[in-house]
């Protein structure tokens, strides 16, 4: 599962994201290591490993301009997937029997 955060540089100088770190290994941030020019935007893509069913609540810490930080927050609920991709269709078995 992924979400993309839009980052805007509202300052007058280029903005460099020194590090983007998740609170655990199940959350993976991806970001551009190049400076964001003044007045421009960029994105931080955050992936969450939704293999486990249940509620999740994770933080992503952005370190910029040497030692300043901001936090992003993702939360949600992972639901169990249905057993099959489509409901069982009894007609398929009848067709298989007829074509044997």
PDB file of N, CA and C in Angstrom:
ATOM      1  N   UNK A   1       0.857  -1.157   0.000  1.00  0.00           N
ATOM      2  CA  UNK A   1       0.000   0.000   0.000  1.00  0.00           C
ATOM      3  C   UNK A   1       0.909   1.226   0.000  1.00  0.00           C
ATOM      4  N   UNK A   2       0.608   2.203  -0.855  1.00  0.00           N
ATOM      5  CA  UNK A   2       1.449   3.402  -0.910  1.00  0.00           C
ATOM      6  C   UNK A   2       0.609   4.673  -0.816  1.00  0.00           C
ATOM      7  N   UNK A   3       1.253   5.726  -0.367  1.00  0.00           N
ATOM      8  CA  UNK A   3       0.664   7.053  -0.352  1.00  0.00           C
ATOM      9  C   UNK A   3       1.763   8.031  -0.747  1.00  0.00           C
ATOM     10  N   UNK A   4       1.407   9.064  -1.503  1.00  0.00           N
ATOM     11  CA  UNK A   4       2.383  10.053  -1.946  1.00  0.00           C
ATOM     12  C   UNK A   4       2.083  11.387  -1.273  1.00  0.00           C
ATOM     13  N   UNK A   5       3.068  11.897  -0.536  1.00  0.00           N
ATOM     14  CA  UNK A   5       2.971  13.209   0.099  1.00  0.00           C
ATOM     15  C   UNK A   5       3.603  14.244  -0.823  1.00  0.00           C
ATOM     16  N   UNK A   6       2.957  15.366  -0.993  1.00  0.00           N
ATOM     17  CA  UNK A   6       3.481  16.470  -1.797  1.00  0.00           C
ATOM     18  C   UNK A   6       4.251  17.405  -0.859  1.00  0.00           C
ATOM     19  N   UNK A   7       5.491  17.724  -1.202  1.00  0.00           N
ATOM     20  CA  UNK A   7       6.336  18.609  -0.413  1.00  0.00           C
ATOM     21  C   UNK A   7       6.538  19.901  -1.205  1.00  0.00           C
ATOM     22  N   UNK A   8       6.262  21.045  -0.588  1.00  0.00           N
ATOM     23  CA  UNK A   8       6.435  22.340  -1.253  1.00  0.00           C
ATOM     24  C   UNK A   8       7.546  23.120  -0.573  1.00  0.00           C
ATOM     25  N   UNK A   9       8.464  23.648  -1.366  1.00  0.00           N
ATOM     26  CA  UNK A   9       9.510  24.526  -0.845  1.00  0.00           C
ATOM     27  C   UNK A   9       8.999  25.957  -0.980  1.00  0.00           C
ATOM     28  N   UNK A  10       8.523  26.503   0.122  1.00  0.00           N
ATOM     29  CA  UNK A  10       7.995  27.871   0.122  1.00  0.00           C
ATOM     30  C   UNK A  10       9.067  28.895   0.483  1.00  0.00           C
ATOM     31  N   UNK A  11      10.285  28.421   0.682  1.00  0.00           N
ATOM     32  CA  UNK A  11      11.389  29.319   1.032  1.00  0.00           C
ATOM     33  C   UNK A  11      11.998  29.974  -0.200  1.00  0.00           C
ATOM     34  N   UNK A  12      13.061  30.738   0.037  1.00  0.00           N
ATOM     35  CA  UNK A  12      13.732  31.460  -1.054  1.00  0.00           C
ATOM     36  C   UNK A  12      15.042  30.799  -1.477  1.00  0.00           C
ATOM     37  N   UNK A  13      15.397  29.678  -0.835  1.00  0.00           N
ATOM     38  CA  UNK A  13      16.617  28.942  -1.187  1.00  0.00           C
ATOM     39  C   UNK A  13      16.256  27.475  -1.424  1.00  0.00           C
ATOM     40  N   UNK A  14      17.117  26.723  -2.136  1.00  0.00           N
ATOM     41  CA  UNK A  14      16.837  25.297  -2.358  1.00  0.00           C
ATOM     42  C   UNK A  14      16.703  24.539  -1.030  1.00  0.00           C
ATOM     43  N   UNK A  15      15.811  23.560  -1.020  1.00  0.00           N
ATOM     44  CA  UNK A  15      15.551  22.741   0.163  1.00  0.00           C
ATOM     45  C   UNK A  15      16.064  21.336  -0.095  1.00  0.00           C
ATOM     46  N   UNK A  16      16.922  20.845   0.788  1.00  0.00           N
ATOM     47  CA  UNK A  16      17.439  19.485   0.674  1.00  0.00           C
ATOM     48  C   UNK A  16      16.898  18.652   1.820  1.00  0.00           C
ATOM     49  N   UNK A  17      16.299  17.521   1.474  1.00  0.00           N
ATOM     50  CA  UNK A  17      15.855  16.575   2.495  1.00  0.00           C
ATOM     51  C   UNK A  17      17.047  15.686   2.816  1.00  0.00           C
ATOM     52  N   UNK A  18      17.624  15.862   4.000  1.00  0.00           N
ATOM     53  CA  UNK A  18      18.818  15.114   4.377  1.00  0.00           C
ATOM     54  C   UNK A  18      18.525  13.632   4.607  1.00  0.00           C
ATOM     55  N   UNK A  19      17.364  13.349   5.195  1.00  0.00           N
ATOM     56  CA  UNK A  19      16.990  11.962   5.457  1.00  0.00           C
ATOM     57  C   UNK A  19      15.479  11.887   5.623  1.00  0.00           C
ATOM     58  N   UNK A  20      14.912  10.755   5.236  1.00  0.00           N
ATOM     59  CA  UNK A  20      13.503  10.463   5.463  1.00  0.00           C
ATOM     60  C   UNK A  20      13.485   9.051   6.028  1.00  0.00           C
ATOM     61  N   UNK A  21      13.062   8.916   7.292  1.00  0.00           N
ATOM     62  CA  UNK A  21      13.184   7.634   7.981  1.00  0.00           C
ATOM     63  C   UNK A  21      11.851   7.234   8.599  1.00  0.00           C
ATOM     64  N   UNK A  22      11.484   5.977   8.395  1.00  0.00           N
ATOM     65  CA  UNK A  22      10.247   5.433   8.945  1.00  0.00           C
ATOM     66  C   UNK A  22      10.481   4.921  10.356  1.00  0.00           C
ATOM     67  N   UNK A  23       9.393   4.803  11.116  1.00  0.00           N
ATOM     68  CA  UNK A  23       9.480   4.337  12.499  1.00  0.00           C
ATOM     69  C   UNK A  23       9.686   2.829  12.617  1.00  0.00           C
ATOM     70  N   UNK A  24       9.491   2.088  11.507  1.00  0.00           N
ATOM     71  CA  UNK A  24       9.725   0.643  11.546  1.00  0.00           C
ATOM     72  C   UNK A  24      10.032   0.132  10.145  1.00  0.00           C
ATOM     73  N   UNK A  25      10.461  -1.115  10.052  1.00  0.00           N
ATOM     74  CA  UNK A  25      10.844  -1.699   8.771  1.00  0.00           C
ATOM     75  C   UNK A  25       9.682  -2.015   7.843  1.00  0.00           C
ATOM     76  N   UNK A  26       8.459  -1.980   8.338  1.00  0.00           N
ATOM     77  CA  UNK A  26       7.297  -2.278   7.494  1.00  0.00           C
ATOM     78  C   UNK A  26       6.863  -1.059   6.678  1.00  0.00           C
ATOM     79  N   UNK A  27       7.494   0.083   6.920  1.00  0.00           N
ATOM     80  CA  UNK A  27       7.167   1.321   6.217  1.00  0.00           C
ATOM     81  C   UNK A  27       8.427   1.792   5.492  1.00  0.00           C
ATOM     82  N   UNK A  28       8.298   2.055   4.184  1.00  0.00           N
ATOM     83  CA  UNK A  28       9.455   2.403   3.373  1.00  0.00           C
ATOM     84  C   UNK A  28       9.235   3.717   2.628  1.00  0.00           C
ATOM     85  N   UNK A  29       9.995   4.760   2.976  1.00  0.00           N
ATOM     86  CA  UNK A  29       9.872   6.021   2.234  1.00  0.00           C
ATOM     87  C   UNK A  29      10.831   6.073   1.039  1.00  0.00           C
ATOM     88  N   UNK A  30      10.387   6.732  -0.028  1.00  0.00           N
ATOM     89  CA  UNK A  30      11.228   6.988  -1.202  1.00  0.00           C
ATOM     90  C   UNK A  30      11.151   8.480  -1.490  1.00  0.00           C
ATOM     91  N   UNK A  31      12.320   9.106  -1.699  1.00  0.00           N
ATOM     92  CA  UNK A  31      12.342  10.536  -1.964  1.00  0.00           C
ATOM     93  C   UNK A  31      13.509  10.882  -2.858  1.00  0.00           C
ATOM     94  N   UNK A  32      13.409  12.048  -3.482  1.00  0.00           N
ATOM     95  CA  UNK A  32      14.443  12.559  -4.363  1.00  0.00           C
ATOM     96  C   UNK A  32      15.559  13.161  -3.510  1.00  0.00           C
ATOM     97  N   UNK A  33      16.792  12.748  -3.749  1.00  0.00           N
ATOM     98  CA  UNK A  33      17.931  13.259  -2.972  1.00  0.00           C
ATOM     99  C   UNK A  33      18.414  14.615  -3.488  1.00  0.00           C
ATOM    100  N   UNK A  34      17.885  15.057  -4.617  1.00  0.00           N
ATOM    101  CA  UNK A  34      18.263  16.362  -5.172  1.00  0.00           C
ATOM    102  C   UNK A  34      17.535  17.484  -4.423  1.00  0.00           C
ATOM    103  N   UNK A  35      18.145  18.655  -4.383  1.00  0.00           N
ATOM    104  CA  UNK A  35      17.526  19.811  -3.716  1.00  0.00           C
ATOM    105  C   UNK A  35      16.249  20.224  -4.452  1.00  0.00           C
ATOM    106  N   UNK A  36      15.267  20.661  -3.693  1.00  0.00           N
ATOM    107  CA  UNK A  36      14.011  21.160  -4.263  1.00  0.00           C
ATOM    108  C   UNK A  36      14.174  22.668  -4.428  1.00  0.00           C
ATOM    109  N   UNK A  37      14.145  23.177  -5.656  1.00  0.00           N
ATOM    110  CA  UNK A  37      14.334  24.621  -5.869  1.00  0.00           C
ATOM    111  C   UNK A  37      13.254  25.446  -5.153  1.00  0.00           C
ATOM    112  N   UNK A  38      13.588  26.677  -4.806  1.00  0.00           N
ATOM    113  CA  UNK A  38      12.632  27.584  -4.166  1.00  0.00           C
ATOM    114  C   UNK A  38      11.382  27.704  -5.032  1.00  0.00           C
ATOM    115  N   UNK A  39      10.213  27.611  -4.396  1.00  0.00           N
ATOM    116  CA  UNK A  39       8.955  27.727  -5.115  1.00  0.00           C
ATOM    117  C   UNK A  39       8.507  26.466  -5.826  1.00  0.00           C
ATOM    118  N   UNK A  40       9.274  25.386  -5.725  1.00  0.00           N
ATOM    119  CA  UNK A  40       8.938  24.132  -6.412  1.00  0.00           C
ATOM    120  C   UNK A  40       8.377  23.105  -5.434  1.00  0.00           C
ATOM    121  N   UNK A  41       7.902  22.007  -6.006  1.00  0.00           N
ATOM    122  CA  UNK A  41       7.386  20.908  -5.202  1.00  0.00           C
ATOM    123  C   UNK A  41       8.082  19.607  -5.576  1.00  0.00           C
ATOM    124  N   UNK A  42       7.974  18.651  -4.699  1.00  0.00           N
ATOM    125  CA  UNK A  42       8.468  17.304  -4.945  1.00  0.00           C
ATOM    126  C   UNK A  42       7.584  16.350  -4.164  1.00  0.00           C
ATOM    127  N   UNK A  43       7.909  15.071  -4.210  1.00  0.00           N
ATOM    128  CA  UNK A  43       7.065  14.071  -3.571  1.00  0.00           C
ATOM    129  C   UNK A  43       7.883  13.149  -2.686  1.00  0.00           C
ATOM    130  N   UNK A  44       7.225  12.660  -1.648  1.00  0.00           N
ATOM    131  CA  UNK A  44       7.755  11.572  -0.835  1.00  0.00           C
ATOM    132  C   UNK A  44       6.732  10.452  -0.934  1.00  0.00           C
ATOM    133  N   UNK A  45       7.168   9.304  -1.463  1.00  0.00           N
ATOM    134  CA  UNK A  45       6.284   8.147  -1.595  1.00  0.00           C
ATOM    135  C   UNK A  45       6.548   7.222  -0.410  1.00  0.00           C
ATOM    136  N   UNK A  46       5.493   6.890   0.315  1.00  0.00           N
ATOM    137  CA  UNK A  46       5.621   6.033   1.486  1.00  0.00           C
ATOM    138  C   UNK A  46       4.878   4.738   1.231  1.00  0.00           C
ATOM    139  N   UNK A  47       5.594   3.616   1.354  1.00  0.00           N
ATOM    140  CA  UNK A  47       4.996   2.304   1.190  1.00  0.00           C
ATOM    141  C   UNK A  47       4.834   1.626   2.537  1.00  0.00           C
ATOM    142  N   UNK A  48       3.718   0.949   2.702  1.00  0.00           N
ATOM    143  CA  UNK A  48       3.470   0.185   3.924  1.00  0.00           C
ATOM    144  C   UNK A  48       3.209  -1.265   3.536  1.00  0.00           C
ATOM    145  N   UNK A  49       3.879  -2.190   4.193  1.00  0.00           N
ATOM    146  CA  UNK A  49       3.698  -3.618   3.929  1.00  0.00           C
ATOM    147  C   UNK A  49       2.399  -4.070   4.602  1.00  0.00           C
ATOM    148  N   UNK A  50       1.356  -4.210   3.802  1.00  0.00           N
ATOM    149  CA  UNK A  50       0.032  -4.543   4.317  1.00  0.00           C
ATOM    150  C   UNK A  50      -0.218  -6.049   4.367  1.00  0.00           C
ATOM    151  N   UNK A  51       0.821  -6.830   4.649  1.00  0.00           N
ATOM    152  CA  UNK A  51       0.663  -8.282   4.699  1.00  0.00           C
ATOM    153  C   UNK A  51      -0.077  -8.738   5.951  1.00  0.00           C
ATOM    154  N   UNK A  52      -0.025  -7.940   7.004  1.00  0.00           N
ATOM    155  CA  UNK A  52      -0.693  -8.317   8.254  1.00  0.00           C
ATOM    156  C   UNK A  52      -2.013  -7.581   8.388  1.00  0.00           C
ATOM    157  N   UNK A  53      -3.029  -8.316   8.751  1.00  0.00           N
ATOM    158  CA  UNK A  53      -4.369  -7.753   8.944  1.00  0.00           C
ATOM    159  C   UNK A  53      -4.405  -6.946  10.245  1.00  0.00           C
ATOM    160  N   UNK A  54      -5.125  -5.834  10.230  1.00  0.00           N
ATOM    161  CA  UNK A  54      -5.317  -5.051  11.453  1.00  0.00           C
ATOM    162  C   UNK A  54      -5.005  -3.577  11.271  1.00  0.00           C
ATOM    163  N   UNK A  55      -5.039  -2.869  12.385  1.00  0.00           N
ATOM    164  CA  UNK A  55      -4.824  -1.429  12.416  1.00  0.00           C
ATOM    165  C   UNK A  55      -3.325  -1.131  12.391  1.00  0.00           C
ATOM    166  N   UNK A  56      -2.931  -0.075  11.649  1.00  0.00           N
ATOM    167  CA  UNK A  56      -1.535   0.383  11.686  1.00  0.00           C
ATOM    168  C   UNK A  56      -1.510   1.891  11.900  1.00  0.00           C
ATOM    169  N   UNK A  57      -0.435   2.365  12.510  1.00  0.00           N
ATOM    170  CA  UNK A  57      -0.261   3.779  12.852  1.00  0.00           C
ATOM    171  C   UNK A  57       1.248   4.041  12.849  1.00  0.00           C
ATOM    172  N   UNK A  58       1.757   4.689  11.780  1.00  0.00           N
ATOM    173  CA  UNK A  58       3.205   4.826  11.589  1.00  0.00           C
ATOM    174  C   UNK A  58       3.612   6.287  11.362  1.00  0.00           C
ATOM    175  N   UNK A  59       4.839   6.594  11.755  1.00  0.00           N
ATOM    176  CA  UNK A  59       5.390   7.935  11.575  1.00  0.00           C
ATOM    177  C   UNK A  59       6.614   7.875  10.680  1.00  0.00           C
ATOM    178  N   UNK A  60       6.779   8.917   9.877  1.00  0.00           N
ATOM    179  CA  UNK A  60       7.941   9.068   9.009  1.00  0.00           C
ATOM    180  C   UNK A  60       8.568  10.409   9.371  1.00  0.00           C
ATOM    181  N   UNK A  61       9.843  10.414   9.729  1.00  0.00           N
ATOM    182  CA  UNK A  61      10.532  11.631  10.136  1.00  0.00           C
ATOM    183  C   UNK A  61      11.387  12.159   8.993  1.00  0.00           C
ATOM    184  N   UNK A  62      11.183  13.427   8.652  1.00  0.00           N
ATOM    185  CA  UNK A  62      11.973  14.099   7.618  1.00  0.00           C
ATOM    186  C   UNK A  62      12.994  14.983   8.326  1.00  0.00           C
ATOM    187  N   UNK A  63      14.271  14.799   7.993  1.00  0.00           N
ATOM    188  CA  UNK A  63      15.333  15.670   8.502  1.00  0.00           C
ATOM    189  C   UNK A  63      15.793  16.535   7.338  1.00  0.00           C
ATOM    190  N   UNK A  64      15.832  17.864   7.546  1.00  0.00           N
ATOM    191  CA  UNK A  64      16.204  18.792   6.476  1.00  0.00           C
ATOM    192  C   UNK A  64      17.001  19.954   7.060  1.00  0.00           C
ATOM    193  N   UNK A  65      17.709  20.642   6.205  1.00  0.00           N
ATOM    194  CA  UNK A  65      18.531  21.800   6.609  1.00  0.00           C
ATOM    195  C   UNK A  65      19.426  21.480   7.791  1.00  0.00           C
ATOM    196  N   UNK A  66      20.024  20.316   7.778  1.00  0.00           N
ATOM    197  CA  UNK A  66      20.985  19.935   8.811  1.00  0.00           C
ATOM    198  C   UNK A  66      20.368  19.241  10.000  1.00  0.00           C
ATOM    199  N   UNK A  67      19.511  19.940  10.772  1.00  0.00           N
ATOM    200  CA  UNK A  67      18.991  19.316  11.993  1.00  0.00           C
ATOM    201  C   UNK A  67      17.510  19.606  12.261  1.00  0.00           C
ATOM    202  N   UNK A  68      16.813  20.197  11.318  1.00  0.00           N
ATOM    203  CA  UNK A  68      15.388  20.451  11.500  1.00  0.00           C
ATOM    204  C   UNK A  68      14.601  19.200  11.114  1.00  0.00           C
ATOM    205  N   UNK A  69      13.468  18.959  11.781  1.00  0.00           N
ATOM    206  CA  UNK A  69      12.664  17.770  11.485  1.00  0.00           C
ATOM    207  C   UNK A  69      11.178  18.105  11.383  1.00  0.00           C
ATOM    208  N   UNK A  70      10.498  17.295  10.621  1.00  0.00           N
ATOM    209  CA  UNK A  70       9.032  17.298  10.507  1.00  0.00           C
ATOM    210  C   UNK A  70       8.607  15.846  10.468  1.00  0.00           C
ATOM    211  N   UNK A  71       7.375  15.569  10.899  1.00  0.00           N
ATOM    212  CA  UNK A  71       6.876  14.198  10.850  1.00  0.00           C
ATOM    213  C   UNK A  71       5.655  14.086   9.950  1.00  0.00           C
ATOM    214  N   UNK A  72       5.641  12.985   9.193  1.00  0.00           N
ATOM    215  CA  UNK A  72       4.476  12.595   8.424  1.00  0.00           C
ATOM    216  C   UNK A  72       3.822  11.448   9.180  1.00  0.00           C
ATOM    217  N   UNK A  73       2.528  11.272   9.007  1.00  0.00           N
ATOM    218  CA  UNK A  73       1.800  10.258   9.760  1.00  0.00           C
ATOM    219  C   UNK A  73       0.887   9.498   8.812  1.00  0.00           C
ATOM    220  N   UNK A  74       0.978   8.181   8.842  1.00  0.00           N
ATOM    221  CA  UNK A  74       0.036   7.358   8.080  1.00  0.00           C
ATOM    222  C   UNK A  74      -0.640   6.403   9.059  1.00  0.00           C
ATOM    223  N   UNK A  75      -1.920   6.179   8.834  1.00  0.00           N
ATOM    224  CA  UNK A  75      -2.639   5.215   9.664  1.00  0.00           C
ATOM    225  C   UNK A  75      -3.788   4.645   8.859  1.00  0.00           C
ATOM    226  N   UNK A  76      -4.226   3.479   9.255  1.00  0.00           N
ATOM    227  CA  UNK A  76      -5.326   2.846   8.551  1.00  0.00           C
ATOM    228  C   UNK A  76      -5.593   1.465   9.095  1.00  0.00           C
ATOM    229  N   UNK A  77      -6.421   0.731   8.361  1.00  0.00           N
ATOM    230  CA  UNK A  77      -6.772  -0.635   8.729  1.00  0.00           C
ATOM    231  C   UNK A  77      -6.607  -1.520   7.510  1.00  0.00           C
ATOM    232  N   UNK A  78      -5.921  -2.635   7.682  1.00  0.00           N
ATOM    233  CA  UNK A  78      -5.758  -3.617   6.621  1.00  0.00           C
ATOM    234  C   UNK A  78      -6.816  -4.693   6.839  1.00  0.00           C
ATOM    235  N   UNK A  79      -7.630  -4.888   5.815  1.00  0.00           N
ATOM    236  CA  UNK A  79      -8.693  -5.894   5.878  1.00  0.00           C
ATOM    237  C   UNK A  79      -8.223  -7.178   5.206  1.00  0.00           C
ATOM    238  N   UNK A  80      -8.742  -8.283   5.682  1.00  0.00           N
ATOM    239  CA  UNK A  80      -8.412  -9.580   5.095  1.00  0.00           C
ATOM    240  C   UNK A  80      -9.021  -9.662   3.699  1.00  0.00           C
ATOM    241  N   UNK A  81      -8.218 -10.116   2.741  1.00  0.00           N
ATOM    242  CA  UNK A  81      -8.684 -10.269   1.356  1.00  0.00           C
ATOM    243  C   UNK A  81      -9.626 -11.470   1.268  1.00  0.00           C
ATOM    244  N   UNK A  82     -10.580 -11.421   0.345  1.00  0.00           N
ATOM    245  CA  UNK A  82     -11.454 -12.585   0.160  1.00  0.00           C
ATOM    246  C   UNK A  82     -10.645 -13.814  -0.246  1.00  0.00           C
ATOM    247  N   UNK A  83     -11.195 -14.989   0.026  1.00  0.00           N
ATOM    248  CA  UNK A  83     -10.492 -16.239  -0.258  1.00  0.00           C
ATOM    249  C   UNK A  83     -10.160 -16.399  -1.735  1.00  0.00           C
ATOM    250  N   UNK A  84     -11.018 -15.968  -2.626  1.00  0.00           N
ATOM    251  CA  UNK A  84     -10.771 -16.084  -4.058  1.00  0.00           C
ATOM    252  C   UNK A  84     -10.971 -14.749  -4.736  1.00  0.00           C
ATOM    253  N   UNK A  85     -10.523 -14.673  -5.959  1.00  0.00           N
ATOM    254  CA  UNK A  85     -10.654 -13.409  -6.682  1.00  0.00           C
ATOM    255  C   UNK A  85     -12.075 -13.181  -7.165  1.00  0.00           C
ATOM    256  N   UNK A  86     -12.857 -14.241  -7.255  1.00  0.00           N
ATOM    257  CA  UNK A  86     -14.255 -14.127  -7.684  1.00  0.00           C
ATOM    258  C   UNK A  86     -15.064 -15.216  -6.985  1.00  0.00           C
ATOM    259  N   UNK A  87     -16.362 -15.005  -6.825  1.00  0.00           N
ATOM    260  CA  UNK A  87     -17.173 -16.052  -6.194  1.00  0.00           C
ATOM    261  C   UNK A  87     -17.183 -17.321  -7.049  1.00  0.00           C
ATOM    262  N   UNK A  88     -17.383 -18.436  -6.399  1.00  0.00           N
ATOM    263  CA  UNK A  88     -17.446 -19.723  -7.109  1.00  0.00           C
ATOM    264  C   UNK A  88     -18.606 -19.698  -8.102  1.00  0.00           C
ATOM    265  N   UNK A  89     -18.366 -20.281  -9.258  1.00  0.00           N
ATOM    266  CA  UNK A  89     -19.379 -20.337 -10.311  1.00  0.00           C
ATOM    267  C   UNK A  89     -19.639 -21.800 -10.642  1.00  0.00           C
ATOM    268  N   UNK A  90     -20.800 -22.305 -10.213  1.00  0.00           N
ATOM    269  CA  UNK A  90     -21.133 -23.716 -10.431  1.00  0.00           C
ATOM    270  C   UNK A  90     -21.201 -24.065 -11.914  1.00  0.00           C
ATOM    271  N   UNK A  91     -21.521 -23.123 -12.753  1.00  0.00           N
ATOM    272  CA  UNK A  91     -21.644 -23.379 -14.194  1.00  0.00           C
ATOM    273  C   UNK A  91     -20.314 -23.792 -14.817  1.00  0.00           C
ATOM    274  N   UNK A  92     -19.213 -23.365 -14.253  1.00  0.00           N
ATOM    275  CA  UNK A  92     -17.900 -23.714 -14.796  1.00  0.00           C
ATOM    276  C   UNK A  92     -17.694 -25.217 -14.713  1.00  0.00           C
ATOM    277  N   UNK A  93     -18.058 -25.804 -13.599  1.00  0.00           N
ATOM    278  CA  UNK A  93     -17.906 -27.265 -13.452  1.00  0.00           C
ATOM    279  C   UNK A  93     -18.766 -28.021 -14.464  1.00  0.00           C
ATOM    280  N   UNK A  94     -19.985 -27.541 -14.719  1.00  0.00           N
ATOM    281  CA  UNK A  94     -20.867 -28.174 -15.698  1.00  0.00           C
ATOM    282  C   UNK A  94     -20.242 -28.103 -17.086  1.00  0.00           C
ATOM    283  N   UNK A  95     -19.700 -26.957 -17.450  1.00  0.00           N
ATOM    284  CA  UNK A  95     -19.050 -26.801 -18.761  1.00  0.00           C
ATOM    285  C   UNK A  95     -17.839 -27.709 -18.894  1.00  0.00           C
ATOM    286  N   UNK A  96     -17.058 -27.835 -17.837  1.00  0.00           N
ATOM    287  CA  UNK A  96     -15.890 -28.717 -17.866  1.00  0.00           C
ATOM    288  C   UNK A  96     -16.303 -30.164 -18.091  1.00  0.00           C
ATOM    289  N   UNK A  97     -17.385 -30.586 -17.434  1.00  0.00           N
ATOM    290  CA  UNK A  97     -17.862 -31.959 -17.588  1.00  0.00           C
ATOM    291  C   UNK A  97     -18.356 -32.207 -19.012  1.00  0.00           C
ATOM    292  N   UNK A  98     -19.024 -31.224 -19.603  1.00  0.00           N
ATOM    293  CA  UNK A  98     -19.559 -31.379 -20.950  1.00  0.00           C
ATOM    294  C   UNK A  98     -18.457 -31.431 -22.003  1.00  0.00           C
ATOM    295  N   UNK A  99     -17.322 -30.799 -21.729  1.00  0.00           N
ATOM    296  CA  UNK A  99     -16.249 -30.734 -22.715  1.00  0.00           C
ATOM    297  C   UNK A  99     -15.219 -31.843 -22.562  1.00  0.00           C
ATOM    298  N   UNK A 100     -15.470 -32.810 -21.733  1.00  0.00           N
ATOM    299  CA  UNK A 100     -14.511 -33.905 -21.551  1.00  0.00           C
ATOM    300  C   UNK A 100     -14.754 -35.012 -22.516  1.00  0.00           C
TER     301      UNK A 100
END
